[in-house]
Amino acid sequence: MDGMSIATITMIWHRMTNYELAVQIPGLGTFSFLRQKLDVGNNKFILIQRPVFLLSEKLAQIHGLKLAKIHTPGDIPIIQLNFIMLSLEGPFNREIVEGCVKETLLFFSRSIATKQNVEFTFKGIGVLVIRDNKVKMKFYKDFLQAMDGSGNLVKALSNVSLSFSQENLNYFDATSPVPPCFSKTETDCGPNLIHAAGPRTPSPLCQDHGRAGQEMCYLCMQRAQRNIPVYFSEERRRKELDDDRILAQYQTMKDQEALHRQQMKFLANREQNQKTAAFNLGVAEAIRNHKNEKSTEFYKSFVFVKRPPSPPPYIKQEEYSQELLKQMEEKKEKEAKLKQDKELMDRLEQVQLAEELAAQRAKYLKGKIEEMQCYKRALDTQIKLKPIQLPVCEPDSADLIFGKSDMTNEKLAEKKQRAQEFYKHQLHATAERKRTAILNQLVEQRREADMLQRAKREWIADRGAQFEKIFQMNLAMQDDWQKSAGMKRLREVEEKLFERAGDKLLLLDQCERYRRCFQCKRRTTNCGESHVWSESRYVPGSRLMV
């Protein structure tokens, strides 16, 4: 805002208020709108668009402002403030526009920090009022009607519209970097800041940006007075005209080439169409001539003047009847032959079936006879090998009746030896089974012990990792707490310094202490001295350089 007039700042902010979409201003807030349905009865609704302003959360937290929370739908696109488009729409470059907006918002923030009642006016939109740390956005009635279009929004939201008085509002001092604001009915100035109450000491401007030459040192001012100004605006304008003329000639040449190519293409298409038409005409003429010419070939059939009489129909009928009778006889013979063949096949099948049944019967009888023979031989063998009959029962007999020749001394010794061997084998098998069971039990115990040891080691490792993680988390939390405490102390110190600084906090307020030349950036009391310190000095008559 160095060297910028109030009209320039007003023009920049006026172009900012011409956005027709939801826009976000960095450092201030977001202008958007809500869509609401107004019930008029009989299942009919009226769609109402309501404008809203969302103050920046960062600005509200820094200054402790109180505002109502408004939730906007996510389907409404919000775009960032484009400084390039603002610079293209106006006569100022991007740096000037961005600097103007940022310094205006900086002055707005400082006014809030000094606990003043502030009103920020947006042309054609409304007024942002901050009073007693409470934020309220009041929109103009004309803007509400333009947003809605149906005229029902003002009635539905009667507490939102704002009526302004016709009297002039307070002006700022002429030295303030923010332009004055007027009421909506008097003028259409851009967004401005108004201190509603309380006296304020105007902030001094930077002394390097005067208009009488005092911002330059003596040497630069003498050079400026002796220099002959050379302006390149005429040459630049002439060069731009030449560039425009060359561009127009090039465009004309391109248009002529395109027209020539189009004409050549049209002529080629016309020539091709003429050839096609001539070919079609020749083909049609040849077809017509072929149809009109007389053939020289003779006809292969003739129509006699006196045609011989046709034979009587009964002759043909007799032939037809003979043919039909012959066909009927052939059909009957064919059916009789098929019937005979079928009967013959049936008789053959019956004979074959009878033979198969007789063969099966003979086979069955043969097998039965063989079984009887085998059974007979078995019975004969049993009769031959029939055991000895029991002796006759004699009462009071002391002799052995059964097993007289069953056991002998050799058989008893053999049986005893076999029993001893069986007993030894059972003892060995039992001992082997016990030994195997004990070994399996020991192996199982060893495996369980190893598993317990491994589980214990894993549990100890998990507990160690868990305690290590908790320890690291505690260390990280302690570091975060220390950093947060340090940052909090720094913020408190900065807030105290900010409160103590007053009007001497901003960069523009400190420019008075460091006065520099606008051109060479030296002190204003400079009369030709160099600000470059010489590292060497030559002594005349000496070969040394000190």
Foldseek 3Di string as FASTA:
>chain_A
DQPDAQQRLQLLQLLVLPDPAWEAEPLFWIKHWAWDWDDPDPPDTAIAIGIDTGGDPVLCVVLVADEDDDDHDPVGDYYYRDLCVSVVVDVHHSVVSVVSSVVQSVVVSLCSNVQFWKWKDAFQFFIWTQHPSYTDTAGAPVSRCVRGVPPCPCVVCVVRHDDDDPDFADFDDNQAPWGGDGDNVPDRTGITMHGRDDDDDHFHFFPLRDDPQLLAAPVVVVVVVPDDDDDCPVVVVVVVVVVVVVVVVVVVVVVVVVVVVVVVVVVVVVVVVVVVVVVVVVVVVVVVVVVPDDDPDDDPDDDDPDDDDDDDPVVVVVVVVVVVVVVVVVVVVVVVVVVVVVVVVVVVVVVVVVVVVVVVVVVVVVVVVVVVVVVVVVVVVCVVPPDDDFDDDDPPDPDDRPDPPPDDPVVVVVVVVVVVVVVVVVVVVVVVVVVVVVVVVVVVVVVVVVVVVVVVVVVVVVVVVVVVVVVVVVVVVVVVVVVVVVVVVVVVVVSVCSVVCRSCPDPRSCSVVPRARPPPRHHNPDDDDDPDDDPWDDDPPDPDID
